[in-house]
């Protein structure tokens, strides 16, 4: 079989880092060979690395926005709305603050330090 379109559902889920890298390189090679890859993923780093067109789905299973990976990933309000990043609270002594966080984005504390 040599399909023109491949449908991949969470292809990197549960894979060790070396296998994720192998699979990513395979997906790039397939794309460069003219194959169409349709990928469903919550892995924002995969979206960032592929530099492709993205259709972002809402929690209600509707298309929320279509755009480039760069446009989608820089819209933190949208990513929060569709539950791809989250806000959480930190306590530092008597001070408390919230910030947005995912495994993809670096986040900043109010004092300016990047984590």
PDB file of N, CA and C in Angstrom:
ATOM      1  N   UNK A   1       0.844  -1.186   0.000  1.00  0.00           N
ATOM      2  CA  UNK A   1       0.000   0.000   0.000  1.00  0.00           C
ATOM      3  C   UNK A   1       0.885   1.243   0.000  1.00  0.00           C
ATOM      4  N   UNK A   2       0.419   2.222  -0.718  1.00  0.00           N
ATOM      5  CA  UNK A   2       1.133   3.489  -0.771  1.00  0.00           C
ATOM      6  C   UNK A   2       0.101   4.613  -0.821  1.00  0.00           C
ATOM      7  N   UNK A   3      -0.607   4.847   0.292  1.00  0.00           N
ATOM      8  CA  UNK A   3      -1.700   5.824   0.275  1.00  0.00           C
ATOM      9  C   UNK A   3      -1.197   7.254   0.076  1.00  0.00           C
ATOM     10  N   UNK A   4      -2.042   8.063  -0.525  1.00  0.00           N
ATOM     11  CA  UNK A   4      -1.721   9.482  -0.714  1.00  0.00           C
ATOM     12  C   UNK A   4      -2.034  10.296   0.538  1.00  0.00           C
ATOM     13  N   UNK A   5      -2.972   9.813   1.358  1.00  0.00           N
ATOM     14  CA  UNK A   5      -3.387  10.504   2.573  1.00  0.00           C
ATOM     15  C   UNK A   5      -3.236   9.548   3.750  1.00  0.00           C
ATOM     16  N   UNK A   6      -2.609  10.041   4.814  1.00  0.00           N
ATOM     17  CA  UNK A   6      -2.483   9.257   6.041  1.00  0.00           C
ATOM     18  C   UNK A   6      -3.192   9.988   7.162  1.00  0.00           C
ATOM     19  N   UNK A   7      -4.021   9.281   7.918  1.00  0.00           N
ATOM     20  CA  UNK A   7      -4.721   9.830   9.072  1.00  0.00           C
ATOM     21  C   UNK A   7      -4.024   9.319  10.325  1.00  0.00           C
ATOM     22  N   UNK A   8      -3.512  10.229  11.134  1.00  0.00           N
ATOM     23  CA  UNK A   8      -2.769   9.866  12.335  1.00  0.00           C
ATOM     24  C   UNK A   8      -3.453  10.464  13.556  1.00  0.00           C
ATOM     25  N   UNK A   9      -3.847   9.621  14.484  1.00  0.00           N
ATOM     26  CA  UNK A   9      -4.532  10.061  15.697  1.00  0.00           C
ATOM     27  C   UNK A   9      -3.558   9.970  16.868  1.00  0.00           C
ATOM     28  N   UNK A  10      -3.158  11.118  17.394  1.00  0.00           N
ATOM     29  CA  UNK A  10      -2.210  11.197  18.512  1.00  0.00           C
ATOM     30  C   UNK A  10      -0.984  10.306  18.269  1.00  0.00           C
ATOM     31  N   UNK A  11      -0.264  10.529  17.169  1.00  0.00           N
ATOM     32  CA  UNK A  11       0.805   9.612  16.799  1.00  0.00           C
ATOM     33  C   UNK A  11       1.974   9.543  17.782  1.00  0.00           C
ATOM     34  N   UNK A  12       2.220  10.591  18.543  1.00  0.00           N
ATOM     35  CA  UNK A  12       3.359  10.568  19.468  1.00  0.00           C
ATOM     36  C   UNK A  12       2.968  10.173  20.885  1.00  0.00           C
ATOM     37  N   UNK A  13       1.693   9.964  21.119  1.00  0.00           N
ATOM     38  CA  UNK A  13       1.214   9.654  22.467  1.00  0.00           C
ATOM     39  C   UNK A  13       1.822   8.348  22.987  1.00  0.00           C
ATOM     40  N   UNK A  14       2.445   8.421  24.143  1.00  0.00           N
ATOM     41  CA  UNK A  14       2.981   7.236  24.803  1.00  0.00           C
ATOM     42  C   UNK A  14       4.308   6.759  24.258  1.00  0.00           C
ATOM     43  N   UNK A  15       4.905   7.493  23.331  1.00  0.00           N
ATOM     44  CA  UNK A  15       6.187   7.073  22.774  1.00  0.00           C
ATOM     45  C   UNK A  15       7.355   7.671  23.553  1.00  0.00           C
ATOM     46  N   UNK A  16       8.445   6.925  23.635  1.00  0.00           N
ATOM     47  CA  UNK A  16       9.652   7.464  24.258  1.00  0.00           C
ATOM     48  C   UNK A  16      10.252   8.525  23.328  1.00  0.00           C
ATOM     49  N   UNK A  17      11.114   9.407  23.844  1.00  0.00           N
ATOM     50  CA  UNK A  17      11.640  10.518  23.036  1.00  0.00           C
ATOM     51  C   UNK A  17      12.346  10.088  21.751  1.00  0.00           C
ATOM     52  N   UNK A  18      13.098   9.010  21.772  1.00  0.00           N
ATOM     53  CA  UNK A  18      13.799   8.571  20.565  1.00  0.00           C
ATOM     54  C   UNK A  18      12.802   8.135  19.486  1.00  0.00           C
ATOM     55  N   UNK A  19      11.775   7.411  19.889  1.00  0.00           N
ATOM     56  CA  UNK A  19      10.775   6.957  18.926  1.00  0.00           C
ATOM     57  C   UNK A  19       9.941   8.133  18.426  1.00  0.00           C
ATOM     58  N   UNK A  20       9.663   9.113  19.289  1.00  0.00           N
ATOM     59  CA  UNK A  20       8.963  10.321  18.848  1.00  0.00           C
ATOM     60  C   UNK A  20       9.764  11.018  17.757  1.00  0.00           C
ATOM     61  N   UNK A  21      11.073  11.130  17.961  1.00  0.00           N
ATOM     62  CA  UNK A  21      11.951  11.778  16.982  1.00  0.00           C
ATOM     63  C   UNK A  21      11.938  11.008  15.665  1.00  0.00           C
ATOM     64  N   UNK A  22      12.035   9.675  15.736  1.00  0.00           N
ATOM     65  CA  UNK A  22      11.989   8.850  14.531  1.00  0.00           C
ATOM     66  C   UNK A  22      10.674   9.061  13.785  1.00  0.00           C
ATOM     67  N   UNK A  23       9.565   9.032  14.508  1.00  0.00           N
ATOM     68  CA  UNK A  23       8.262   9.199  13.884  1.00  0.00           C
ATOM     69  C   UNK A  23       8.122  10.581  13.266  1.00  0.00           C
ATOM     70  N   UNK A  24       8.602  11.602  13.961  1.00  0.00           N
ATOM     71  CA  UNK A  24       8.550  12.965  13.429  1.00  0.00           C
ATOM     72  C   UNK A  24       9.336  13.059  12.122  1.00  0.00           C
ATOM     73  N   UNK A  25      10.523  12.498  12.098  1.00  0.00           N
ATOM     74  CA  UNK A  25      11.337  12.523  10.877  1.00  0.00           C
ATOM     75  C   UNK A  25      10.648  11.764   9.747  1.00  0.00           C
ATOM     76  N   UNK A  26       9.981  10.661  10.074  1.00  0.00           N
ATOM     77  CA  UNK A  26       9.225   9.913   9.072  1.00  0.00           C
ATOM     78  C   UNK A  26       8.065  10.747   8.535  1.00  0.00           C
ATOM     79  N   UNK A  27       7.359  11.446   9.418  1.00  0.00           N
ATOM     80  CA  UNK A  27       6.246  12.292   8.979  1.00  0.00           C
ATOM     81  C   UNK A  27       6.752  13.404   8.057  1.00  0.00           C
ATOM     82  N   UNK A  28       7.894  14.001   8.392  1.00  0.00           N
ATOM     83  CA  UNK A  28       8.468  15.034   7.519  1.00  0.00           C
ATOM     84  C   UNK A  28       8.828  14.462   6.156  1.00  0.00           C
ATOM     85  N   UNK A  29       9.450  13.290   6.136  1.00  0.00           N
ATOM     86  CA  UNK A  29       9.839  12.660   4.872  1.00  0.00           C
ATOM     87  C   UNK A  29       8.614  12.332   4.027  1.00  0.00           C
ATOM     88  N   UNK A  30       7.565  11.846   4.649  1.00  0.00           N
ATOM     89  CA  UNK A  30       6.335  11.539   3.916  1.00  0.00           C
ATOM     90  C   UNK A  30       5.718  12.810   3.337  1.00  0.00           C
ATOM     91  N   UNK A  31       5.717  13.873   4.120  1.00  0.00           N
ATOM     92  CA  UNK A  31       5.175  15.144   3.658  1.00  0.00           C
ATOM     93  C   UNK A  31       5.989  15.674   2.484  1.00  0.00           C
ATOM     94  N   UNK A  32       7.313  15.613   2.599  1.00  0.00           N
ATOM     95  CA  UNK A  32       8.190  16.079   1.521  1.00  0.00           C
ATOM     96  C   UNK A  32       8.037  15.226   0.265  1.00  0.00           C
ATOM     97  N   UNK A  33       7.613  13.968   0.421  1.00  0.00           N
ATOM     98  CA  UNK A  33       7.384  13.083  -0.719  1.00  0.00           C
ATOM     99  C   UNK A  33       6.009  13.314  -1.345  1.00  0.00           C
ATOM    100  N   UNK A  34       5.267  14.295  -0.842  1.00  0.00           N
ATOM    101  CA  UNK A  34       3.979  14.647  -1.426  1.00  0.00           C
ATOM    102  C   UNK A  34       2.767  14.010  -0.776  1.00  0.00           C
ATOM    103  N   UNK A  35       2.985  13.293   0.314  1.00  0.00           N
ATOM    104  CA  UNK A  35       1.857  12.685   1.018  1.00  0.00           C
ATOM    105  C   UNK A  35       1.128  13.752   1.835  1.00  0.00           C
ATOM    106  N   UNK A  36      -0.171  13.584   1.982  1.00  0.00           N
ATOM    107  CA  UNK A  36      -0.963  14.458   2.844  1.00  0.00           C
ATOM    108  C   UNK A  36      -1.116  13.762   4.185  1.00  0.00           C
ATOM    109  N   UNK A  37      -0.735  14.466   5.256  1.00  0.00           N
ATOM    110  CA  UNK A  37      -0.858  13.932   6.610  1.00  0.00           C
ATOM    111  C   UNK A  37      -1.940  14.719   7.333  1.00  0.00           C
ATOM    112  N   UNK A  38      -2.928  14.025   7.839  1.00  0.00           N
ATOM    113  CA  UNK A  38      -3.952  14.636   8.681  1.00  0.00           C
ATOM    114  C   UNK A  38      -3.701  14.093  10.076  1.00  0.00           C
ATOM    115  N   UNK A  39      -3.326  15.002  10.984  1.00  0.00           N
ATOM    116  CA  UNK A  39      -2.886  14.585  12.311  1.00  0.00           C
ATOM    117  C   UNK A  39      -3.790  15.194  13.371  1.00  0.00           C
ATOM    118  N   UNK A  40      -4.361  14.360  14.222  1.00  0.00           N
ATOM    119  CA  UNK A  40      -5.098  14.824  15.399  1.00  0.00           C
ATOM    120  C   UNK A  40      -4.138  14.707  16.571  1.00  0.00           C
ATOM    121  N   UNK A  41      -3.876  15.835  17.248  1.00  0.00           N
ATOM    122  CA  UNK A  41      -2.914  15.796  18.349  1.00  0.00           C
ATOM    123  C   UNK A  41      -3.190  16.892  19.367  1.00  0.00           C
ATOM    124  N   UNK A  42      -2.779  16.625  20.604  1.00  0.00           N
ATOM    125  CA  UNK A  42      -2.753  17.639  21.649  1.00  0.00           C
ATOM    126  C   UNK A  42      -1.312  18.094  21.884  1.00  0.00           C
ATOM    127  N   UNK A  43      -0.369  17.529  21.153  1.00  0.00           N
ATOM    128  CA  UNK A  43       1.059  17.783  21.310  1.00  0.00           C
ATOM    129  C   UNK A  43       1.429  19.068  20.566  1.00  0.00           C
ATOM    130  N   UNK A  44       1.481  20.182  21.301  1.00  0.00           N
ATOM    131  CA  UNK A  44       1.745  21.467  20.673  1.00  0.00           C
ATOM    132  C   UNK A  44       3.156  21.572  20.107  1.00  0.00           C
ATOM    133  N   UNK A  45       4.099  20.826  20.677  1.00  0.00           N
ATOM    134  CA  UNK A  45       5.450  20.858  20.116  1.00  0.00           C
ATOM    135  C   UNK A  45       5.462  20.223  18.732  1.00  0.00           C
ATOM    136  N   UNK A  46       4.649  19.213  18.493  1.00  0.00           N
ATOM    137  CA  UNK A  46       4.533  18.601  17.171  1.00  0.00           C
ATOM    138  C   UNK A  46       3.944  19.602  16.186  1.00  0.00           C
ATOM    139  N   UNK A  47       2.938  20.324  16.606  1.00  0.00           N
ATOM    140  CA  UNK A  47       2.329  21.357  15.761  1.00  0.00           C
ATOM    141  C   UNK A  47       3.377  22.404  15.407  1.00  0.00           C
ATOM    142  N   UNK A  48       4.178  22.806  16.386  1.00  0.00           N
ATOM    143  CA  UNK A  48       5.215  23.816  16.166  1.00  0.00           C
ATOM    144  C   UNK A  48       6.272  23.314  15.185  1.00  0.00           C
ATOM    145  N   UNK A  49       6.705  22.097  15.329  1.00  0.00           N
ATOM    146  CA  UNK A  49       7.767  21.551  14.487  1.00  0.00           C
ATOM    147  C   UNK A  49       7.330  21.331  13.045  1.00  0.00           C
ATOM    148  N   UNK A  50       6.078  21.014  12.818  1.00  0.00           N
ATOM    149  CA  UNK A  50       5.622  20.707  11.463  1.00  0.00           C
ATOM    150  C   UNK A  50       5.393  21.953  10.606  1.00  0.00           C
ATOM    151  N   UNK A  51       5.235  23.122  11.229  1.00  0.00           N
ATOM    152  CA  UNK A  51       5.031  24.379  10.493  1.00  0.00           C
ATOM    153  C   UNK A  51       4.011  24.193   9.369  1.00  0.00           C
ATOM    154  N   UNK A  52       2.809  23.946   9.746  1.00  0.00           N
ATOM    155  CA  UNK A  52       1.793  23.586   8.760  1.00  0.00           C
ATOM    156  C   UNK A  52       0.486  24.314   9.026  1.00  0.00           C
ATOM    157  N   UNK A  53      -0.496  24.014   8.229  1.00  0.00           N
ATOM    158  CA  UNK A  53      -1.838  24.555   8.419  1.00  0.00           C
ATOM    159  C   UNK A  53      -2.521  23.765   9.525  1.00  0.00           C
ATOM    160  N   UNK A  54      -3.218  24.485  10.407  1.00  0.00           N
ATOM    161  CA  UNK A  54      -3.836  23.868  11.578  1.00  0.00           C
ATOM    162  C   UNK A  54      -5.322  24.215  11.606  1.00  0.00           C
ATOM    163  N   UNK A  55      -6.131  23.216  11.881  1.00  0.00           N
ATOM    164  CA  UNK A  55      -7.552  23.436  12.169  1.00  0.00           C
ATOM    165  C   UNK A  55      -7.730  23.086  13.643  1.00  0.00           C
ATOM    166  N   UNK A  56      -8.019  24.083  14.442  1.00  0.00           N
ATOM    167  CA  UNK A  56      -8.141  23.909  15.885  1.00  0.00           C
ATOM    168  C   UNK A  56      -9.589  23.619  16.242  1.00  0.00           C
ATOM    169  N   UNK A  57      -9.787  22.523  16.965  1.00  0.00           N
ATOM    170  CA  UNK A  57     -11.132  22.100  17.337  1.00  0.00           C
ATOM    171  C   UNK A  57     -11.465  22.564  18.757  1.00  0.00           C
ATOM    172  N   UNK A  58     -12.719  22.907  18.955  1.00  0.00           N
ATOM    173  CA  UNK A  58     -13.203  23.296  20.278  1.00  0.00           C
ATOM    174  C   UNK A  58     -13.570  22.055  21.080  1.00  0.00           C
ATOM    175  N   UNK A  59     -13.879  22.254  22.343  1.00  0.00           N
ATOM    176  CA  UNK A  59     -14.348  21.158  23.192  1.00  0.00           C
ATOM    177  C   UNK A  59     -15.686  20.602  22.683  1.00  0.00           C
ATOM    178  N   UNK A  60     -16.417  21.404  21.909  1.00  0.00           N
ATOM    179  CA  UNK A  60     -17.702  20.988  21.348  1.00  0.00           C
ATOM    180  C   UNK A  60     -17.526  20.296  19.991  1.00  0.00           C
ATOM    181  N   UNK A  61     -16.277  20.007  19.609  1.00  0.00           N
ATOM    182  CA  UNK A  61     -15.950  19.301  18.366  1.00  0.00           C
ATOM    183  C   UNK A  61     -16.286  20.115  17.120  1.00  0.00           C
ATOM    184  N   UNK A  62     -16.175  21.426  17.223  1.00  0.00           N
ATOM    185  CA  UNK A  62     -16.365  22.319  16.086  1.00  0.00           C
ATOM    186  C   UNK A  62     -15.031  22.978  15.759  1.00  0.00           C
ATOM    187  N   UNK A  63     -14.841  23.355  14.504  1.00  0.00           N
ATOM    188  CA  UNK A  63     -13.614  24.057  14.145  1.00  0.00           C
ATOM    189  C   UNK A  63     -13.667  25.457  14.741  1.00  0.00           C
ATOM    190  N   UNK A  64     -12.700  25.749  15.589  1.00  0.00           N
ATOM    191  CA  UNK A  64     -12.628  27.040  16.268  1.00  0.00           C
ATOM    192  C   UNK A  64     -11.853  28.057  15.425  1.00  0.00           C
ATOM    193  N   UNK A  65     -10.769  27.603  14.777  1.00  0.00           N
ATOM    194  CA  UNK A  65      -9.953  28.504  13.971  1.00  0.00           C
ATOM    195  C   UNK A  65      -9.078  27.671  13.044  1.00  0.00           C
ATOM    196  N   UNK A  66      -8.834  28.195  11.841  1.00  0.00           N
ATOM    197  CA  UNK A  66      -7.903  27.591  10.898  1.00  0.00           C
ATOM    198  C   UNK A  66      -6.829  28.629  10.628  1.00  0.00           C
ATOM    199  N   UNK A  67      -5.571  28.201  10.684  1.00  0.00           N
ATOM    200  CA  UNK A  67      -4.474  29.121  10.426  1.00  0.00           C
ATOM    201  C   UNK A  67      -3.153  28.387  10.405  1.00  0.00           C
ATOM    202  N   UNK A  68      -2.084  29.148  10.311  1.00  0.00           N
ATOM    203  CA  UNK A  68      -0.759  28.545  10.345  1.00  0.00           C
ATOM    204  C   UNK A  68      -0.448  28.115  11.775  1.00  0.00           C
ATOM    205  N   UNK A  69       0.483  27.201  11.919  1.00  0.00           N
ATOM    206  CA  UNK A  69       0.857  26.764  13.263  1.00  0.00           C
ATOM    207  C   UNK A  69       1.341  27.955  14.086  1.00  0.00           C
ATOM    208  N   UNK A  70       2.065  28.869  13.469  1.00  0.00           N
ATOM    209  CA  UNK A  70       2.556  30.050  14.187  1.00  0.00           C
ATOM    210  C   UNK A  70       1.409  30.907  14.703  1.00  0.00           C
ATOM    211  N   UNK A  71       0.413  31.162  13.852  1.00  0.00           N
ATOM    212  CA  UNK A  71      -0.746  31.972  14.267  1.00  0.00           C
ATOM    213  C   UNK A  71      -1.520  31.311  15.396  1.00  0.00           C
ATOM    214  N   UNK A  72      -1.701  30.012  15.304  1.00  0.00           N
ATOM    215  CA  UNK A  72      -2.456  29.284  16.329  1.00  0.00           C
ATOM    216  C   UNK A  72      -1.694  29.284  17.648  1.00  0.00           C
ATOM    217  N   UNK A  73      -0.405  28.973  17.596  1.00  0.00           N
ATOM    218  CA  UNK A  73       0.371  28.815  18.832  1.00  0.00           C
ATOM    219  C   UNK A  73       0.615  30.119  19.573  1.00  0.00           C
ATOM    220  N   UNK A  74       0.592  31.243  18.880  1.00  0.00           N
ATOM    221  CA  UNK A  74       0.811  32.520  19.577  1.00  0.00           C
ATOM    222  C   UNK A  74      -0.463  33.073  20.211  1.00  0.00           C
ATOM    223  N   UNK A  75      -1.602  32.476  19.927  1.00  0.00           N
ATOM    224  CA  UNK A  75      -2.885  32.939  20.460  1.00  0.00           C
ATOM    225  C   UNK A  75      -3.208  32.184  21.757  1.00  0.00           C
ATOM    226  N   UNK A  76      -2.599  32.617  22.847  1.00  0.00           N
ATOM    227  CA  UNK A  76      -2.779  31.935  24.128  1.00  0.00           C
ATOM    228  C   UNK A  76      -4.222  31.969  24.616  1.00  0.00           C
ATOM    229  N   UNK A  77      -4.947  33.048  24.345  1.00  0.00           N
ATOM    230  CA  UNK A  77      -6.355  33.107  24.751  1.00  0.00           C
ATOM    231  C   UNK A  77      -7.149  31.992  24.073  1.00  0.00           C
ATOM    232  N   UNK A  78      -6.887  31.770  22.797  1.00  0.00           N
ATOM    233  CA  UNK A  78      -7.565  30.707  22.062  1.00  0.00           C
ATOM    234  C   UNK A  78      -7.162  29.337  22.591  1.00  0.00           C
ATOM    235  N   UNK A  79      -5.871  29.125  22.836  1.00  0.00           N
ATOM    236  CA  UNK A  79      -5.402  27.838  23.351  1.00  0.00           C
ATOM    237  C   UNK A  79      -5.995  27.541  24.726  1.00  0.00           C
ATOM    238  N   UNK A  80      -6.158  28.569  25.539  1.00  0.00           N
ATOM    239  CA  UNK A  80      -6.797  28.400  26.844  1.00  0.00           C
ATOM    240  C   UNK A  80      -8.272  28.038  26.667  1.00  0.00           C
ATOM    241  N   UNK A  81      -8.932  28.726  25.744  1.00  0.00           N
ATOM    242  CA  UNK A  81     -10.361  28.489  25.495  1.00  0.00           C
ATOM    243  C   UNK A  81     -10.639  27.050  25.074  1.00  0.00           C
ATOM    244  N   UNK A  82      -9.745  26.462  24.267  1.00  0.00           N
ATOM    245  CA  UNK A  82      -9.972  25.103  23.759  1.00  0.00           C
ATOM    246  C   UNK A  82      -9.259  24.052  24.601  1.00  0.00           C
ATOM    247  N   UNK A  83      -8.758  24.461  25.758  1.00  0.00           N
ATOM    248  CA  UNK A  83      -8.213  23.535  26.750  1.00  0.00           C
ATOM    249  C   UNK A  83      -6.890  22.873  26.329  1.00  0.00           C
ATOM    250  N   UNK A  84      -6.070  23.591  25.568  1.00  0.00           N
ATOM    251  CA  UNK A  84      -4.752  23.071  25.208  1.00  0.00           C
ATOM    252  C   UNK A  84      -3.649  23.607  26.117  1.00  0.00           C
ATOM    253  N   UNK A  85      -3.941  24.689  26.807  1.00  0.00           N
ATOM    254  CA  UNK A  85      -3.078  25.170  27.880  1.00  0.00           C
ATOM    255  C   UNK A  85      -3.984  25.452  29.073  1.00  0.00           C
ATOM    256  N   UNK A  86      -3.384  25.672  30.229  1.00  0.00           N
ATOM    257  CA  UNK A  86      -4.202  25.931  31.412  1.00  0.00           C
ATOM    258  C   UNK A  86      -3.575  27.046  32.244  1.00  0.00           C
ATOM    259  N   UNK A  87      -4.383  27.582  33.134  1.00  0.00           N
ATOM    260  CA  UNK A  87      -3.897  28.567  34.100  1.00  0.00           C
ATOM    261  C   UNK A  87      -3.827  27.886  35.451  1.00  0.00           C
ATOM    262  N   UNK A  88      -2.759  28.158  36.176  1.00  0.00           N
ATOM    263  CA  UNK A  88      -2.722  27.642  37.531  1.00  0.00           C
ATOM    264  C   UNK A  88      -2.082  28.654  38.463  1.00  0.00           C
ATOM    265  N   UNK A  89      -2.294  28.428  39.731  1.00  0.00           N
ATOM    266  CA  UNK A  89      -1.912  29.369  40.770  1.00  0.00           C
ATOM    267  C   UNK A  89      -0.625  28.909  41.446  1.00  0.00           C
ATOM    268  N   UNK A  90       0.223  29.881  41.755  1.00  0.00           N
ATOM    269  CA  UNK A  90       1.449  29.628  42.514  1.00  0.00           C
ATOM    270  C   UNK A  90       1.428  30.455  43.786  1.00  0.00           C
ATOM    271  N   UNK A  91       1.948  29.892  44.841  1.00  0.00           N
ATOM    272  CA  UNK A  91       2.077  30.598  46.108  1.00  0.00           C
ATOM    273  C   UNK A  91       3.564  30.793  46.389  1.00  0.00           C
ATOM    274  N   UNK A  92       3.939  32.018  46.665  1.00  0.00           N
ATOM    275  CA  UNK A  92       5.311  32.354  47.038  1.00  0.00           C
ATOM    276  C   UNK A  92       5.234  33.116  48.365  1.00  0.00           C
ATOM    277  N   UNK A  93       5.361  32.380  49.441  1.00  0.00           N
ATOM    278  CA  UNK A  93       5.197  33.002  50.751  1.00  0.00           C
ATOM    279  C   UNK A  93       3.774  33.490  50.893  1.00  0.00           C
ATOM    280  N   UNK A  94       3.628  34.798  51.100  1.00  0.00           N
ATOM    281  CA  UNK A  94       2.297  35.389  51.262  1.00  0.00           C
ATOM    282  C   UNK A  94       1.735  35.912  49.947  1.00  0.00           C
ATOM    283  N   UNK A  95       2.491  35.777  48.871  1.00  0.00           N
ATOM    284  CA  UNK A  95       2.030  36.265  47.573  1.00  0.00           C
ATOM    285  C   UNK A  95       1.535  35.096  46.721  1.00  0.00           C
ATOM    286  N   UNK A  96       0.485  35.374  45.958  1.00  0.00           N
ATOM    287  CA  UNK A  96      -0.109  34.370  45.074  1.00  0.00           C
ATOM    288  C   UNK A  96      -0.288  34.994  43.702  1.00  0.00           C
ATOM    289  N   UNK A  97       0.006  34.225  42.669  1.00  0.00           N
ATOM    290  CA  UNK A  97      -0.260  34.688  41.310  1.00  0.00           C
ATOM    291  C   UNK A  97      -0.637  33.498  40.428  1.00  0.00           C
ATOM    292  N   UNK A  98      -1.278  33.805  39.312  1.00  0.00           N
ATOM    293  CA  UNK A  98      -1.633  32.768  38.345  1.00  0.00           C
ATOM    294  C   UNK A  98      -0.892  33.041  37.049  1.00  0.00           C
ATOM    295  N   UNK A  99      -0.676  31.995  36.297  1.00  0.00           N
ATOM    296  CA  UNK A  99      -0.111  32.138  34.964  1.00  0.00           C
ATOM    297  C   UNK A  99      -0.567  30.983  34.084  1.00  0.00           C
ATOM    298  N   UNK A 100      -0.393  31.173  32.798  1.00  0.00           N
ATOM    299  CA  UNK A 100      -0.756  30.143  31.828  1.00  0.00           C
ATOM    300  C   UNK A 100       0.406  29.184  31.668  1.00  0.00           C
ATOM    301  N   UNK A 101       0.070  27.931  31.423  1.00  0.00           N
ATOM    302  CA  UNK A 101       1.119  26.923  31.379  1.00  0.00           C
ATOM    303  C   UNK A 101       0.726  25.771  30.471  1.00  0.00           C
ATOM    304  N   UNK A 102       1.706  25.237  29.801  1.00  0.00           N
ATOM    305  CA  UNK A 102       1.570  23.967  29.090  1.00  0.00           C
ATOM    306  C   UNK A 102       2.946  23.342  29.067  1.00  0.00           C
ATOM    307  N   UNK A 103       3.060  22.164  28.541  1.00  0.00           N
ATOM    308  CA  UNK A 103       4.360  21.530  28.417  1.00  0.00           C
ATOM    309  C   UNK A 103       5.114  22.079  27.223  1.00  0.00           C
ATOM    310  N   UNK A 104       4.460  22.924  26.440  1.00  0.00           N
ATOM    311  CA  UNK A 104       5.064  23.521  25.258  1.00  0.00           C
ATOM    312  C   UNK A 104       5.617  24.912  25.552  1.00  0.00           C
ATOM    313  N   UNK A 105       4.847  25.744  26.237  1.00  0.00           N
ATOM    314  CA  UNK A 105       5.221  27.131  26.461  1.00  0.00           C
ATOM    315  C   UNK A 105       6.101  27.299  27.684  1.00  0.00           C
ATOM    316  N   UNK A 106       7.059  28.222  27.591  1.00  0.00           N
ATOM    317  CA  UNK A 106       7.736  28.695  28.784  1.00  0.00           C
ATOM    318  C   UNK A 106       6.776  29.675  29.433  1.00  0.00           C
ATOM    319  N   UNK A 107       6.838  29.820  30.719  1.00  0.00           N
ATOM    320  CA  UNK A 107       5.955  30.772  31.356  1.00  0.00           C
ATOM    321  C   UNK A 107       6.769  31.700  32.241  1.00  0.00           C
ATOM    322  N   UNK A 108       6.208  32.846  32.507  1.00  0.00           N
ATOM    323  CA  UNK A 108       6.912  33.856  33.282  1.00  0.00           C
ATOM    324  C   UNK A 108       6.185  34.125  34.587  1.00  0.00           C
ATOM    325  N   UNK A 109       6.972  34.298  35.639  1.00  0.00           N
ATOM    326  CA  UNK A 109       6.433  34.758  36.909  1.00  0.00           C
ATOM    327  C   UNK A 109       6.362  36.273  36.858  1.00  0.00           C
ATOM    328  N   UNK A 110       5.569  36.853  37.710  1.00  0.00           N
ATOM    329  CA  UNK A 110       5.384  38.301  37.726  1.00  0.00           C
ATOM    330  C   UNK A 110       6.706  39.054  37.922  1.00  0.00           C
ATOM    331  N   UNK A 111       7.682  38.444  38.576  1.00  0.00           N
ATOM    332  CA  UNK A 111       8.962  39.126  38.793  1.00  0.00           C
ATOM    333  C   UNK A 111       9.841  39.080  37.547  1.00  0.00           C
ATOM    334  N   UNK A 112       9.351  38.459  36.443  1.00  0.00           N
ATOM    335  CA  UNK A 112      10.059  38.472  35.177  1.00  0.00           C
ATOM    336  C   UNK A 112      10.918  37.252  34.921  1.00  0.00           C
ATOM    337  N   UNK A 113      11.073  36.362  35.875  1.00  0.00           N
ATOM    338  CA  UNK A 113      11.894  35.178  35.667  1.00  0.00           C
ATOM    339  C   UNK A 113      11.169  34.166  34.804  1.00  0.00           C
ATOM    340  N   UNK A 114      11.877  33.622  33.814  1.00  0.00           N
ATOM    341  CA  UNK A 114      11.284  32.624  32.928  1.00  0.00           C
ATOM    342  C   UNK A 114      11.610  31.244  33.439  1.00  0.00           C
ATOM    343  N   UNK A 115      10.625  30.386  33.406  1.00  0.00           N
ATOM    344  CA  UNK A 115      10.811  29.003  33.842  1.00  0.00           C
ATOM    345  C   UNK A 115      10.675  28.101  32.630  1.00  0.00           C
TER     346      UNK A 115
END
